[in-house]
């Protein structure tokens, strides 16, 4: 069974390409350290929750997009 590390962050929407470039650098480091895969998910339709949601969890501003990333490690 694999082990997963997950991350939720808010990224300024205008900095999408900067985030992608940064993620490529970091992803290669994790792969060198033994990760099976690294996945970056740029939020497209992240709904607001009634009590809590990803936007509230990271205190996202209106000009920010939610990113959910995870790293899969071997057992």
N, C-alpha and C. Protein backbone atom coordinates (compact mmCIF):
# COMPACT_ATOMS: atom_id res chain seq x y z
N UNK A 1 0.84 -1.17 0.00
CA UNK A 1 0.00 0.00 0.00
C UNK A 1 0.89 1.24 0.00
N UNK A 2 0.46 2.27 -0.74
CA UNK A 2 1.21 3.51 -0.84
C UNK A 2 0.90 4.44 0.33
N UNK A 3 1.77 5.42 0.50
CA UNK A 3 1.59 6.48 1.49
C UNK A 3 1.42 7.78 0.72
N UNK A 4 0.46 8.60 1.12
CA UNK A 4 0.16 9.85 0.42
C UNK A 4 0.38 11.05 1.33
N UNK A 5 1.08 12.06 0.82
CA UNK A 5 1.17 13.38 1.45
C UNK A 5 0.30 14.31 0.60
N UNK A 6 -0.64 15.02 1.22
CA UNK A 6 -1.50 15.94 0.48
C UNK A 6 -1.35 17.35 0.98
N UNK A 7 -1.52 18.32 0.08
CA UNK A 7 -1.34 19.72 0.39
C UNK A 7 -2.43 20.55 -0.28
N UNK A 8 -2.96 21.54 0.42
CA UNK A 8 -3.91 22.49 -0.15
C UNK A 8 -3.29 23.88 0.03
N UNK A 9 -3.20 24.64 -1.05
CA UNK A 9 -2.65 25.99 -0.98
C UNK A 9 -3.48 26.93 -1.84
N UNK A 10 -3.34 28.22 -1.59
CA UNK A 10 -3.95 29.25 -2.42
C UNK A 10 -2.82 29.93 -3.20
N UNK A 11 -3.01 30.04 -4.50
CA UNK A 11 -2.00 30.65 -5.37
C UNK A 11 -2.65 31.82 -6.11
N UNK A 12 -2.00 32.98 -6.16
CA UNK A 12 -2.56 34.07 -6.95
C UNK A 12 -2.81 33.59 -8.39
N UNK A 13 -4.03 33.76 -8.87
CA UNK A 13 -4.41 33.27 -10.19
C UNK A 13 -3.48 33.81 -11.27
N UNK A 14 -3.03 35.03 -11.13
CA UNK A 14 -2.13 35.64 -12.12
C UNK A 14 -0.76 34.94 -12.15
N UNK A 15 -0.43 34.17 -11.12
CA UNK A 15 0.87 33.52 -11.04
C UNK A 15 0.81 32.04 -11.40
N UNK A 16 -0.17 31.64 -12.19
CA UNK A 16 -0.32 30.21 -12.53
C UNK A 16 0.96 29.65 -13.16
N UNK A 17 1.51 30.34 -14.15
CA UNK A 17 2.70 29.81 -14.82
C UNK A 17 3.90 29.75 -13.87
N UNK A 18 4.03 30.74 -12.99
CA UNK A 18 5.11 30.70 -11.99
C UNK A 18 4.95 29.49 -11.08
N UNK A 19 3.70 29.19 -10.70
CA UNK A 19 3.45 28.01 -9.86
C UNK A 19 3.84 26.74 -10.61
N UNK A 20 3.44 26.63 -11.87
CA UNK A 20 3.77 25.44 -12.66
C UNK A 20 5.27 25.26 -12.77
N UNK A 21 5.99 26.34 -13.05
CA UNK A 21 7.45 26.27 -13.16
C UNK A 21 8.07 25.82 -11.84
N UNK A 22 7.59 26.37 -10.74
CA UNK A 22 8.09 26.00 -9.41
C UNK A 22 7.77 24.54 -9.10
N UNK A 23 6.57 24.11 -9.46
CA UNK A 23 6.17 22.73 -9.19
C UNK A 23 7.05 21.75 -9.95
N UNK A 24 7.41 22.05 -11.19
CA UNK A 24 8.28 21.17 -11.96
C UNK A 24 9.62 20.98 -11.25
N UNK A 25 10.16 22.05 -10.68
CA UNK A 25 11.43 21.94 -9.95
C UNK A 25 11.28 21.06 -8.73
N UNK A 26 10.23 21.29 -7.95
CA UNK A 26 10.00 20.51 -6.74
C UNK A 26 9.65 19.07 -7.02
N UNK A 27 8.86 18.84 -8.07
CA UNK A 27 8.45 17.48 -8.41
C UNK A 27 9.66 16.59 -8.68
N UNK A 28 10.64 17.11 -9.39
CA UNK A 28 11.81 16.30 -9.71
C UNK A 28 12.59 15.93 -8.46
N UNK A 29 12.61 16.81 -7.48
CA UNK A 29 13.30 16.52 -6.21
C UNK A 29 12.59 15.37 -5.49
N UNK A 30 11.25 15.44 -5.42
CA UNK A 30 10.50 14.37 -4.76
C UNK A 30 10.68 13.04 -5.48
N UNK A 31 10.71 13.06 -6.80
CA UNK A 31 10.91 11.83 -7.55
C UNK A 31 12.30 11.24 -7.28
N UNK A 32 13.31 12.10 -7.18
CA UNK A 32 14.66 11.63 -6.86
C UNK A 32 14.71 11.02 -5.46
N UNK A 33 13.82 11.50 -4.58
CA UNK A 33 13.78 10.98 -3.20
C UNK A 33 12.94 9.71 -3.08
N UNK A 34 12.38 9.24 -4.20
CA UNK A 34 11.66 7.97 -4.18
C UNK A 34 10.17 8.04 -4.37
N UNK A 35 9.62 9.22 -4.62
CA UNK A 35 8.18 9.32 -4.84
C UNK A 35 7.78 8.53 -6.08
N UNK A 36 6.61 7.92 -6.02
CA UNK A 36 6.08 7.18 -7.16
C UNK A 36 5.48 8.16 -8.17
N UNK A 37 4.77 9.15 -7.66
CA UNK A 37 4.22 10.20 -8.53
C UNK A 37 3.92 11.44 -7.71
N UNK A 38 3.86 12.56 -8.43
CA UNK A 38 3.51 13.84 -7.84
C UNK A 38 2.41 14.44 -8.71
N UNK A 39 1.31 14.86 -8.09
CA UNK A 39 0.17 15.39 -8.84
C UNK A 39 -0.16 16.79 -8.33
N UNK A 40 -0.31 17.72 -9.26
CA UNK A 40 -0.69 19.10 -8.94
C UNK A 40 -2.04 19.36 -9.60
N UNK A 41 -3.03 19.78 -8.84
CA UNK A 41 -4.38 20.01 -9.37
C UNK A 41 -4.76 21.47 -9.19
N UNK A 42 -4.88 22.20 -10.31
CA UNK A 42 -5.25 23.61 -10.31
C UNK A 42 -6.77 23.68 -10.26
N UNK A 43 -7.31 24.32 -9.24
CA UNK A 43 -8.76 24.38 -9.05
C UNK A 43 -9.48 25.06 -10.20
N UNK A 44 -10.53 24.42 -10.68
CA UNK A 44 -11.33 24.96 -11.77
C UNK A 44 -12.73 25.32 -11.28
N UNK A 45 -13.31 24.45 -10.49
CA UNK A 45 -14.65 24.67 -9.96
C UNK A 45 -14.67 24.17 -8.52
N UNK A 46 -14.15 24.98 -7.62
CA UNK A 46 -14.06 24.60 -6.20
C UNK A 46 -15.21 25.33 -5.48
N UNK A 47 -16.28 24.59 -5.16
CA UNK A 47 -17.45 25.23 -4.56
C UNK A 47 -17.21 25.69 -3.12
N UNK A 48 -17.96 26.71 -2.75
CA UNK A 48 -17.92 27.18 -1.36
C UNK A 48 -18.76 26.25 -0.51
N UNK A 49 -18.25 25.91 0.67
CA UNK A 49 -18.99 25.05 1.57
C UNK A 49 -19.86 25.86 2.51
N UNK A 50 -20.75 25.17 3.22
CA UNK A 50 -21.62 25.86 4.17
C UNK A 50 -20.89 26.11 5.49
N UNK A 51 -20.10 25.14 5.94
CA UNK A 51 -19.37 25.28 7.20
C UNK A 51 -17.87 25.46 6.97
N UNK A 52 -17.34 24.70 6.04
CA UNK A 52 -15.91 24.79 5.74
C UNK A 52 -15.68 24.34 4.31
N UNK A 53 -14.57 24.70 3.76
CA UNK A 53 -14.20 24.30 2.40
C UNK A 53 -12.71 24.58 2.20
N UNK A 54 -12.19 24.24 1.03
CA UNK A 54 -10.77 24.45 0.75
C UNK A 54 -10.41 25.93 0.80
N UNK A 55 -11.28 26.81 0.28
CA UNK A 55 -10.97 28.25 0.28
C UNK A 55 -10.82 28.78 1.70
N UNK A 56 -11.72 28.37 2.59
CA UNK A 56 -11.63 28.81 3.98
C UNK A 56 -10.43 28.19 4.68
N UNK A 57 -10.12 26.95 4.33
CA UNK A 57 -9.01 26.25 4.98
C UNK A 57 -7.68 26.96 4.77
N UNK A 58 -7.52 27.61 3.62
CA UNK A 58 -6.26 28.30 3.33
C UNK A 58 -6.42 29.82 3.31
N UNK A 59 -7.59 30.30 3.72
CA UNK A 59 -7.88 31.73 3.76
C UNK A 59 -7.60 32.40 2.42
N UNK A 60 -8.11 31.78 1.36
CA UNK A 60 -7.88 32.28 0.00
C UNK A 60 -8.58 33.61 -0.23
N UNK A 61 -7.92 34.48 -0.96
CA UNK A 61 -8.48 35.76 -1.36
C UNK A 61 -9.23 35.57 -2.69
N UNK A 62 -10.00 36.57 -3.09
CA UNK A 62 -10.79 36.47 -4.32
C UNK A 62 -9.94 36.29 -5.57
N UNK A 63 -8.72 36.80 -5.55
CA UNK A 63 -7.84 36.70 -6.73
C UNK A 63 -6.92 35.48 -6.68
N UNK A 64 -7.24 34.51 -5.83
CA UNK A 64 -6.41 33.31 -5.70
C UNK A 64 -7.19 32.06 -6.12
N UNK A 65 -6.45 31.08 -6.59
CA UNK A 65 -7.00 29.80 -7.00
C UNK A 65 -6.52 28.73 -6.03
N UNK A 66 -7.38 27.78 -5.74
CA UNK A 66 -7.03 26.67 -4.84
C UNK A 66 -6.26 25.62 -5.62
N UNK A 67 -5.16 25.15 -5.05
CA UNK A 67 -4.37 24.08 -5.63
C UNK A 67 -4.32 22.94 -4.63
N UNK A 68 -4.64 21.74 -5.09
CA UNK A 68 -4.51 20.54 -4.27
C UNK A 68 -3.45 19.68 -4.90
N UNK A 69 -2.44 19.32 -4.13
CA UNK A 69 -1.33 18.52 -4.63
C UNK A 69 -1.15 17.31 -3.74
N UNK A 70 -0.65 16.24 -4.33
CA UNK A 70 -0.29 15.10 -3.50
C UNK A 70 0.92 14.39 -4.06
N UNK A 71 1.61 13.75 -3.13
CA UNK A 71 2.80 12.96 -3.46
C UNK A 71 2.52 11.54 -3.02
N UNK A 72 2.73 10.60 -3.91
CA UNK A 72 2.55 9.19 -3.58
C UNK A 72 3.92 8.55 -3.35
N UNK A 73 4.05 7.94 -2.19
CA UNK A 73 5.30 7.28 -1.80
C UNK A 73 5.08 5.77 -1.71
N UNK A 74 6.12 4.99 -1.94
CA UNK A 74 5.96 3.55 -1.76
C UNK A 74 5.77 3.23 -0.28
N UNK A 75 5.24 2.05 -0.01
CA UNK A 75 5.00 1.62 1.37
C UNK A 75 6.30 1.60 2.16
